[in-house]
């Protein structure tokens, strides 16, 4: 005899049951979304719509109360989508798979389940050997989402957040050029009869592309510097205009900086090492009241005078030049960024559930393997090993040993 639906279920107020996706061992896969507590992080990895899709596919999602509020997602939105709303941080941190934006604190790691999977940013410049040891003691499989690749070798999370940061960075520059913020009192762009503002962009990747588009749309003059000729060619083709491009040399860059109103540092670290291309002497020769924004500060940045700041205290001055060095610029537009992240991680979680857990993802997908930096008690990332003077093991050898 068929079971009758309860009145609440028929009205759509309760989640309908669906077959549970299971991890290896037959237990349901549980995804945890803890509330971000560090560095004024406002984003969340999964939106309510994404949680609804995962729930419909039998995946249990546990959301700490208030996790989505800064991105304007209510607990009720997640509950309606099928998530369990937890008022216990410890319960959420104990999930099989933890999805975070900022890396966990040492206290949070202590509350994670042994052998769990952590997917979050690594933020290399903020980490220590103690952080790695804490993960390894719990045998956590940790995945840095800035190292994840897609099937064609791109970095989807980096690309998505770089698009947002590039579009946002010129709006930030406009704020701090304003007289209200003790800037030069310039409009970003130009008006009839007044020379346009001068923008120097160091780097020719995704951040540079979107910053350049925004600056050109506002009417500014831009100069783009990078040491990779193919990147300079590509950015010209993508923008579709003849813009000033140059390789990085001290003389040409120094001249451009001396005339600049806005300088965007958009160089990504290569092989885990950042390269300083703007010295303090160059900064000292810049015009007073101009602004520097170092987008890559979480990896060390490319400007000697740059140091990490926060949304609460985003700027400081050196040589009368304003410095804005907030690492999570995309968090300024938390809702947009959360949708973008959710589009990336929803299919990943679905694949993980189909395969039976994070370990199977590592074994089956090289693009996922690229992001792994600790695995079952071992450090597996050569760059981190060099940075902290630790031993590491090649992940491919560890995986081969499991059979």
Protein backbone atom coordinates (compact mmCIF):
# COMPACT_ATOMS: atom_id res chain seq x y z
CA UNK A 1 0.00 0.00 0.00
CA UNK A 2 1.55 3.38 -0.98
CA UNK A 3 2.60 5.67 1.86
CA UNK A 4 0.58 8.85 2.15
CA UNK A 5 2.40 12.15 1.96
CA UNK A 6 2.20 14.24 5.13
CA UNK A 7 0.32 17.53 4.80
CA UNK A 8 3.58 19.49 5.26
CA UNK A 9 5.31 17.55 2.49
CA UNK A 10 2.42 17.97 0.09
CA UNK A 11 2.46 21.72 0.75
CA UNK A 12 6.18 21.85 -0.13
CA UNK A 13 7.27 22.89 3.38
CA UNK A 14 9.27 19.75 4.14
CA UNK A 15 12.04 18.18 2.10
CA UNK A 16 10.90 15.11 0.21
CA UNK A 17 12.98 12.01 0.76
CA UNK A 18 15.39 10.96 -1.96
CA UNK A 19 17.90 8.11 -2.26
CA UNK A 20 21.08 9.00 -0.36
CA UNK A 21 24.39 9.21 -2.20
CA UNK A 22 26.89 7.26 -0.17
CA UNK A 23 30.59 7.41 0.45
CA UNK A 24 32.74 4.30 0.42
CA UNK A 25 31.48 2.08 3.22
CA UNK A 26 27.80 2.74 2.58
CA UNK A 27 27.29 5.77 4.81
CA UNK A 28 25.61 8.92 3.41
CA UNK A 29 28.02 11.61 2.22
CA UNK A 30 27.72 14.68 4.45
CA UNK A 31 28.83 18.12 3.23
CA UNK A 32 29.53 20.81 5.84
CA UNK A 33 29.25 24.56 5.24
CA UNK A 34 30.63 26.31 8.34
CA UNK A 35 30.26 30.01 8.97
CA UNK A 36 33.34 31.99 7.94
CA UNK A 37 35.03 33.70 10.87
CA UNK A 38 38.36 34.90 9.47
CA UNK A 39 39.41 38.10 7.74
CA UNK A 40 35.89 39.42 7.21
CA UNK A 41 35.06 36.75 4.66
CA UNK A 42 31.51 37.18 3.35
CA UNK A 43 31.29 34.53 0.63
CA UNK A 44 29.88 31.01 0.90
CA UNK A 45 30.76 28.09 -1.37
CA UNK A 46 27.23 26.84 -2.13
CA UNK A 47 24.05 28.83 -2.74
CA UNK A 48 20.62 27.58 -1.65
CA UNK A 49 19.84 26.64 -5.27
CA UNK A 50 22.96 24.46 -5.36
CA UNK A 51 22.05 22.86 -2.03
CA UNK A 52 18.63 22.04 -3.46
CA UNK A 53 20.24 20.23 -6.39
CA UNK A 54 22.59 18.29 -4.11
CA UNK A 55 19.75 17.36 -1.75
CA UNK A 56 17.67 16.12 -4.67
CA UNK A 57 20.59 13.84 -5.53
CA UNK A 58 20.68 12.33 -2.06
CA UNK A 59 23.61 14.31 -0.62
CA UNK A 60 23.25 15.58 2.94
CA UNK A 61 24.25 19.22 3.36
CA UNK A 62 24.74 20.66 6.84
CA UNK A 63 24.83 24.47 7.07
CA UNK A 64 25.90 26.33 10.18
CA UNK A 65 23.29 28.90 11.11
CA UNK A 66 24.11 32.32 9.68
CA UNK A 67 26.67 31.04 7.15
CA UNK A 68 25.04 32.75 4.19
CA UNK A 69 23.80 35.96 5.80
CA UNK A 70 26.69 38.15 4.60
CA UNK A 71 25.93 37.05 1.05
CA UNK A 72 22.22 37.74 1.70
CA UNK A 73 21.18 34.07 1.91
CA UNK A 74 18.95 33.26 4.88
CA UNK A 75 18.92 30.05 6.92
CA UNK A 76 15.34 29.57 5.73
CA UNK A 77 16.56 29.61 2.11
CA UNK A 78 18.92 26.71 2.86
CA UNK A 79 16.37 24.86 4.96
CA UNK A 80 13.78 25.11 2.17
CA UNK A 81 16.38 23.71 -0.22
CA UNK A 82 16.82 20.62 1.94
CA UNK A 83 19.82 21.48 4.11
CA UNK A 84 20.05 20.75 7.79
CA UNK A 85 20.60 24.01 9.69
CA UNK A 86 22.95 23.39 12.62
CA UNK A 87 23.52 25.70 15.57
CA UNK A 88 26.58 23.65 16.56
CA UNK A 89 29.81 24.69 14.87
CA UNK A 90 31.46 21.46 16.03
CA UNK A 91 28.78 19.38 14.30
CA UNK A 92 29.33 21.13 10.97
CA UNK A 93 33.12 20.94 11.22
CA UNK A 94 32.82 17.17 11.76
CA UNK A 95 31.30 16.61 8.28
CA UNK A 96 32.88 14.21 5.79
CA UNK A 97 33.62 17.02 3.33
CA UNK A 98 34.12 20.58 4.51
CA UNK A 99 33.60 23.40 2.01
CA UNK A 100 35.12 26.71 3.16
CA UNK A 101 36.42 29.90 1.64
CA UNK A 102 39.21 30.82 4.07
CA UNK A 103 41.51 28.05 5.33
CA UNK A 104 40.54 26.72 8.76
CA UNK A 105 42.15 27.94 11.96
CA UNK A 106 44.10 25.52 14.17
CA UNK A 107 41.12 25.42 16.53
CA UNK A 108 38.80 24.49 13.66
CA UNK A 109 41.14 21.73 12.49
CA UNK A 110 40.98 20.17 15.98
CA UNK A 111 37.20 19.77 15.59
CA UNK A 112 37.36 18.19 12.14
CA UNK A 113 36.81 14.45 11.76
CA UNK A 114 39.92 12.30 11.27
CA UNK A 115 40.31 11.43 7.59
CA UNK A 116 37.87 14.11 6.42
CA UNK A 117 38.26 16.14 3.22
CA UNK A 118 38.78 19.89 3.39
CA UNK A 119 38.24 22.05 0.29
CA UNK A 120 39.17 25.70 0.84
CA UNK A 121 41.62 28.37 -0.20
CA UNK A 122 45.19 27.77 0.94
CA UNK A 123 46.35 31.44 1.06
CA UNK A 124 49.99 30.44 1.00
CA UNK A 125 51.34 33.66 2.53
CA UNK A 126 49.21 33.18 5.66
CA UNK A 127 50.22 29.60 6.37
CA UNK A 128 52.79 28.01 8.65
CA UNK A 129 54.36 24.62 9.25
CA UNK A 130 52.07 24.32 12.30
CA UNK A 131 49.02 24.48 10.00
CA UNK A 132 50.37 21.60 7.88
CA UNK A 133 51.23 19.53 10.96
CA UNK A 134 47.71 20.05 12.36
CA UNK A 135 46.13 18.77 9.14
CA UNK A 136 48.47 15.78 8.99
CA UNK A 137 47.80 14.82 12.63
CA UNK A 138 44.12 14.48 11.74
CA UNK A 139 45.02 12.76 8.42
CA UNK A 140 42.96 15.37 6.58
CA UNK A 141 42.91 15.32 2.79
CA UNK A 142 43.23 19.04 2.08
CA UNK A 143 42.48 20.54 -1.32
CA UNK A 144 43.42 24.13 -2.21
CA UNK A 145 40.79 25.43 -4.59
CA UNK A 146 43.16 27.98 -6.13
CA UNK A 147 45.21 25.02 -7.46
CA UNK A 148 42.26 23.06 -8.87
CA UNK A 149 42.31 22.70 -12.64
CA UNK A 150 39.61 22.01 -15.17
CA UNK A 151 39.77 19.44 -17.94
CA UNK A 152 41.62 21.78 -20.30
CA UNK A 153 44.26 22.88 -17.77
CA UNK A 154 42.64 26.15 -16.70
CA UNK A 155 42.08 27.13 -13.08
CA UNK A 156 38.33 27.67 -12.75
CA UNK A 157 38.24 29.17 -9.24
CA UNK A 158 41.16 31.49 -9.92
CA UNK A 159 39.59 32.52 -13.22
CA UNK A 160 36.17 33.21 -11.69
CA UNK A 161 37.49 35.20 -8.73
CA UNK A 162 39.95 37.05 -10.99
CA UNK A 163 37.12 38.16 -13.27
CA UNK A 164 35.29 39.55 -10.24
CA UNK A 165 38.42 41.12 -8.72
CA UNK A 166 39.40 42.71 -12.04
CA UNK A 167 35.97 44.23 -12.53
CA UNK A 168 35.81 45.43 -8.92
CA UNK A 169 39.34 46.79 -8.60
CA UNK A 170 38.76 49.85 -10.79
CA UNK A 171 35.70 50.76 -8.74
CA UNK A 172 37.88 50.60 -5.62
CA UNK A 173 40.46 52.82 -7.33
CA UNK A 174 37.71 55.30 -8.17
CA UNK A 175 36.69 55.46 -4.48
CA UNK A 176 40.19 56.25 -3.28
CA UNK A 177 40.95 58.79 -6.01
CA UNK A 178 38.02 60.77 -4.64
CA UNK A 179 38.65 63.85 -2.51
CA UNK A 180 36.25 62.36 0.06
CA UNK A 181 38.85 59.64 0.73
CA UNK A 182 41.78 62.09 0.64
CA UNK A 183 42.78 60.94 -2.83
CA UNK A 184 43.94 63.09 -5.74
CA UNK A 185 40.42 64.35 -6.36
CA UNK A 186 40.22 62.77 -9.81
CA UNK A 187 37.41 61.06 -11.65
CA UNK A 188 38.53 57.68 -12.94
CA UNK A 189 38.41 58.17 -16.69
CA UNK A 190 38.11 61.62 -18.13
CA UNK A 191 35.77 64.42 -19.14
CA UNK A 192 35.84 66.87 -22.02
CA UNK A 193 38.86 69.17 -21.88
CA UNK A 194 40.52 67.31 -18.96
CA UNK A 195 43.27 64.72 -19.53
CA UNK A 196 42.18 61.14 -18.66
CA UNK A 197 43.56 59.33 -15.63
CA UNK A 198 46.60 57.11 -16.15
CA UNK A 199 46.32 53.46 -15.11
CA UNK A 200 49.26 51.04 -15.00
CA UNK A 201 48.44 47.33 -14.82
CA UNK A 202 51.27 44.94 -13.95
CA UNK A 203 50.38 41.51 -15.24
CA UNK A 204 48.37 40.47 -18.29
CA UNK A 205 46.17 37.68 -16.95
CA UNK A 206 42.48 37.54 -16.12
CA UNK A 207 42.54 40.26 -13.44
CA UNK A 208 44.38 42.55 -15.86
CA UNK A 209 41.93 41.79 -18.68
CA UNK A 210 38.84 42.71 -16.65
CA UNK A 211 40.53 45.70 -14.99
CA UNK A 212 41.57 46.96 -18.42
CA UNK A 213 38.04 46.54 -19.81
CA UNK A 214 36.58 48.52 -16.91
CA UNK A 215 39.24 51.25 -17.07
CA UNK A 216 38.83 51.67 -20.84
CA UNK A 217 35.06 51.76 -20.46
CA UNK A 218 35.43 54.64 -18.02
CA UNK A 219 37.75 56.50 -20.38
CA UNK A 220 41.13 56.01 -18.68
CA UNK A 221 44.46 55.53 -20.44
CA UNK A 222 46.04 52.17 -19.62
CA UNK A 223 49.48 50.64 -19.83
CA UNK A 224 49.91 46.89 -19.36
CA UNK A 225 53.20 45.29 -18.35
CA UNK A 226 54.09 41.59 -18.34
CA UNK A 227 57.17 39.52 -19.11
CA UNK A 228 55.23 37.00 -21.21
CA UNK A 229 54.83 38.29 -24.76
CA UNK A 230 52.06 35.81 -25.52
CA UNK A 231 50.02 37.20 -22.60
CA UNK A 232 50.46 40.76 -23.89
CA UNK A 233 49.33 39.66 -27.36
CA UNK A 234 46.37 37.81 -25.89
CA UNK A 235 45.13 40.73 -23.79
CA UNK A 236 45.24 43.02 -26.83
CA UNK A 237 43.21 40.50 -28.83
CA UNK A 238 40.70 39.95 -26.02
CA UNK A 239 40.15 43.66 -25.48
CA UNK A 240 40.04 44.35 -29.21
CA UNK A 241 41.89 47.66 -29.02
CA UNK A 242 45.40 48.90 -29.60
CA UNK A 243 46.58 49.44 -26.03
CA UNK A 244 50.04 50.21 -24.67
CA UNK A 245 51.85 46.99 -23.72
CA UNK A 246 55.41 46.44 -22.58
CA UNK A 247 57.67 43.85 -21.07
CA UNK A 248 58.82 44.65 -17.54
CA UNK A 249 62.07 46.57 -17.29
CA UNK A 250 63.05 48.99 -14.57
CA UNK A 251 63.41 52.08 -16.74
CA UNK A 252 60.14 51.83 -18.71
CA UNK A 253 58.14 50.70 -15.69
CA UNK A 254 59.59 53.46 -13.50
CA UNK A 255 58.58 56.10 -16.03
CA UNK A 256 55.04 54.72 -16.28
CA UNK A 257 54.68 54.56 -12.49
CA UNK A 258 55.86 58.16 -12.07
CA UNK A 259 52.98 59.32 -14.29
CA UNK A 260 50.35 56.90 -12.96
CA UNK A 261 47.25 57.78 -10.97
CA UNK A 262 46.36 54.12 -10.40
CA UNK A 263 48.66 51.07 -10.26
CA UNK A 264 47.18 47.57 -10.25
CA UNK A 265 49.48 44.72 -9.20
CA UNK A 266 48.06 41.67 -10.94
CA UNK A 267 51.01 39.29 -11.24
CA UNK A 268 50.37 35.75 -10.04
CA UNK A 269 53.09 33.80 -8.28
CA UNK A 270 54.81 31.28 -10.54
CA UNK A 271 55.78 27.94 -9.02
CA UNK A 272 54.76 29.26 -5.63
CA UNK A 273 57.19 32.19 -5.68
CA UNK A 274 56.15 35.80 -6.01
CA UNK A 275 58.44 38.28 -7.74
CA UNK A 276 58.81 41.90 -6.61
CA UNK A 277 58.87 44.14 -9.68
CA UNK A 278 57.94 47.49 -8.09
CA UNK A 279 60.58 48.61 -5.61
CA UNK A 280 60.11 51.08 -2.77
CA UNK A 281 62.21 53.57 -4.71
CA UNK A 282 59.74 53.41 -7.60
CA UNK A 283 56.86 53.97 -5.17
CA UNK A 284 58.65 56.98 -3.67
CA UNK A 285 58.82 58.54 -7.15
CA UNK A 286 55.08 58.20 -7.74
CA UNK A 287 52.75 61.18 -7.54
CA UNK A 288 51.33 61.98 -4.11
CA UNK A 289 47.75 60.80 -3.67
CA UNK A 290 47.96 58.10 -6.34
CA UNK A 291 46.78 54.61 -5.42
CA UNK A 292 48.33 51.14 -5.55
CA UNK A 293 46.11 48.04 -5.43
CA UNK A 294 48.04 44.75 -5.15
CA UNK A 295 45.52 42.06 -6.06
CA UNK A 296 48.00 39.20 -5.57
CA UNK A 297 48.87 40.13 -1.99
CA UNK A 298 47.67 36.74 -0.68
CA UNK A 299 50.60 35.19 -2.59
CA UNK A 300 53.06 37.86 -1.54
CA UNK A 301 52.27 40.48 -4.17
CA UNK A 302 54.60 42.14 -6.67
CA UNK A 303 55.10 45.51 -4.92
CA UNK A 304 57.76 45.92 -2.26
CA UNK A 305 55.74 48.31 -0.08
CA UNK A 306 52.58 46.18 -0.11
CA UNK A 307 51.42 44.41 3.05
CA UNK A 308 48.18 42.57 3.64
CA UNK A 309 45.20 44.59 4.90
CA UNK A 310 41.54 43.83 5.63
CA UNK A 311 38.12 45.17 4.64
CA UNK A 312 37.93 46.83 8.05
CA UNK A 313 41.21 48.74 7.55
CA UNK A 314 41.87 48.41 3.81
CA UNK A 315 44.37 51.21 3.15
CA UNK A 316 47.57 52.77 4.44
CA UNK A 317 50.04 55.28 3.00
CA UNK A 318 53.73 55.04 2.25
CA UNK A 319 55.50 57.96 0.57
CA UNK A 320 52.07 59.63 0.35
CA UNK A 321 50.87 56.87 -1.96
CA UNK A 322 47.66 55.06 -0.94
CA UNK A 323 48.02 51.26 -0.74
CA UNK A 324 44.97 48.95 -0.89
CA UNK A 325 46.04 45.33 -0.24
CA UNK A 326 42.96 43.32 0.75
CA UNK A 327 43.41 39.65 -0.27
CA UNK A 328 39.73 38.76 -0.72
CA UNK A 329 38.53 41.57 -2.99
CA UNK A 330 35.77 39.34 -4.39
CA UNK A 331 34.23 39.29 -0.92
CA UNK A 332 33.13 42.91 -1.50
CA UNK A 333 30.52 41.47 -3.86
CA UNK A 334 29.83 38.35 -1.82
CA UNK A 335 26.57 37.32 -3.47
CA UNK A 336 27.97 37.46 -7.01
CA UNK A 337 31.11 35.62 -5.89
CA UNK A 338 29.09 32.95 -4.08
CA UNK A 339 27.03 32.19 -7.19
CA UNK A 340 30.24 31.96 -9.20
CA UNK A 341 31.87 29.56 -6.71
CA UNK A 342 28.70 27.52 -6.45
CA UNK A 343 28.65 26.99 -10.22
CA UNK A 344 32.11 25.45 -9.95
CA UNK A 345 31.72 23.31 -6.83
CA UNK A 346 28.23 21.89 -7.32
CA UNK A 347 29.28 19.53 -10.15
CA UNK A 348 32.45 18.62 -8.20
CA UNK A 349 30.39 17.55 -5.17
CA UNK A 350 28.02 15.59 -7.42
CA UNK A 351 30.97 13.77 -8.98
CA UNK A 352 32.42 13.09 -5.53
CA UNK A 353 29.14 11.57 -4.37
CA UNK A 354 28.87 9.40 -7.49
CA UNK A 355 32.38 8.04 -6.96
CA UNK A 356 31.98 7.51 -3.22
CA UNK A 357 34.21 10.18 -1.66
CA UNK A 358 37.17 12.51 -2.01
CA UNK A 359 39.79 9.77 -2.31
CA UNK A 360 38.10 8.38 -5.40
CA UNK A 361 38.06 11.88 -6.90
CA UNK A 362 41.83 12.11 -6.44
CA UNK A 363 42.36 8.70 -8.00
CA UNK A 364 40.05 9.29 -10.98
CA UNK A 365 40.61 12.95 -11.88
CA UNK A 366 44.03 14.52 -12.36
CA UNK A 367 42.50 18.01 -12.37
CA UNK A 368 41.26 17.41 -8.81
CA UNK A 369 44.55 15.83 -7.76
CA UNK A 370 46.34 19.09 -8.67
CA UNK A 371 44.73 20.84 -5.71
CA UNK A 372 45.69 18.29 -3.04
CA UNK A 373 48.40 19.42 -0.63
CA UNK A 374 47.97 17.02 2.31
CA UNK A 375 46.80 13.42 2.03
CA UNK A 376 46.32 10.91 4.86
CA UNK A 377 48.96 12.42 7.11
CA UNK A 378 51.50 13.40 4.46
CA UNK A 379 52.39 16.72 2.85
CA UNK A 380 52.17 16.23 -0.91
CA UNK A 381 52.95 19.71 -2.25
CA UNK A 382 56.58 20.45 -3.19
CA UNK A 383 56.22 24.25 -2.95
CA UNK A 384 54.86 24.07 0.60
CA UNK A 385 57.61 21.64 1.54
CA UNK A 386 60.28 24.07 0.33
CA UNK A 387 58.61 27.05 1.99
CA UNK A 388 58.45 25.42 5.44
CA UNK A 389 61.47 23.13 5.22
CA UNK A 390 59.34 19.98 5.48
CA UNK A 391 59.51 16.60 3.81
CA UNK A 392 56.87 15.73 1.26
CA UNK A 393 55.71 12.64 -0.58
CA UNK A 394 54.65 12.46 -4.20
CA UNK A 395 50.90 11.91 -4.27
CA UNK A 396 51.08 9.59 -7.28
CA UNK A 397 53.31 7.22 -5.28
CA UNK A 398 50.95 7.34 -2.29
CA UNK A 399 48.00 6.51 -4.53
CA UNK A 400 49.90 3.67 -6.16
CA UNK A 401 50.65 2.24 -2.71
CA UNK A 402 46.96 1.92 -1.87
CA UNK A 403 46.69 -1.11 -4.18
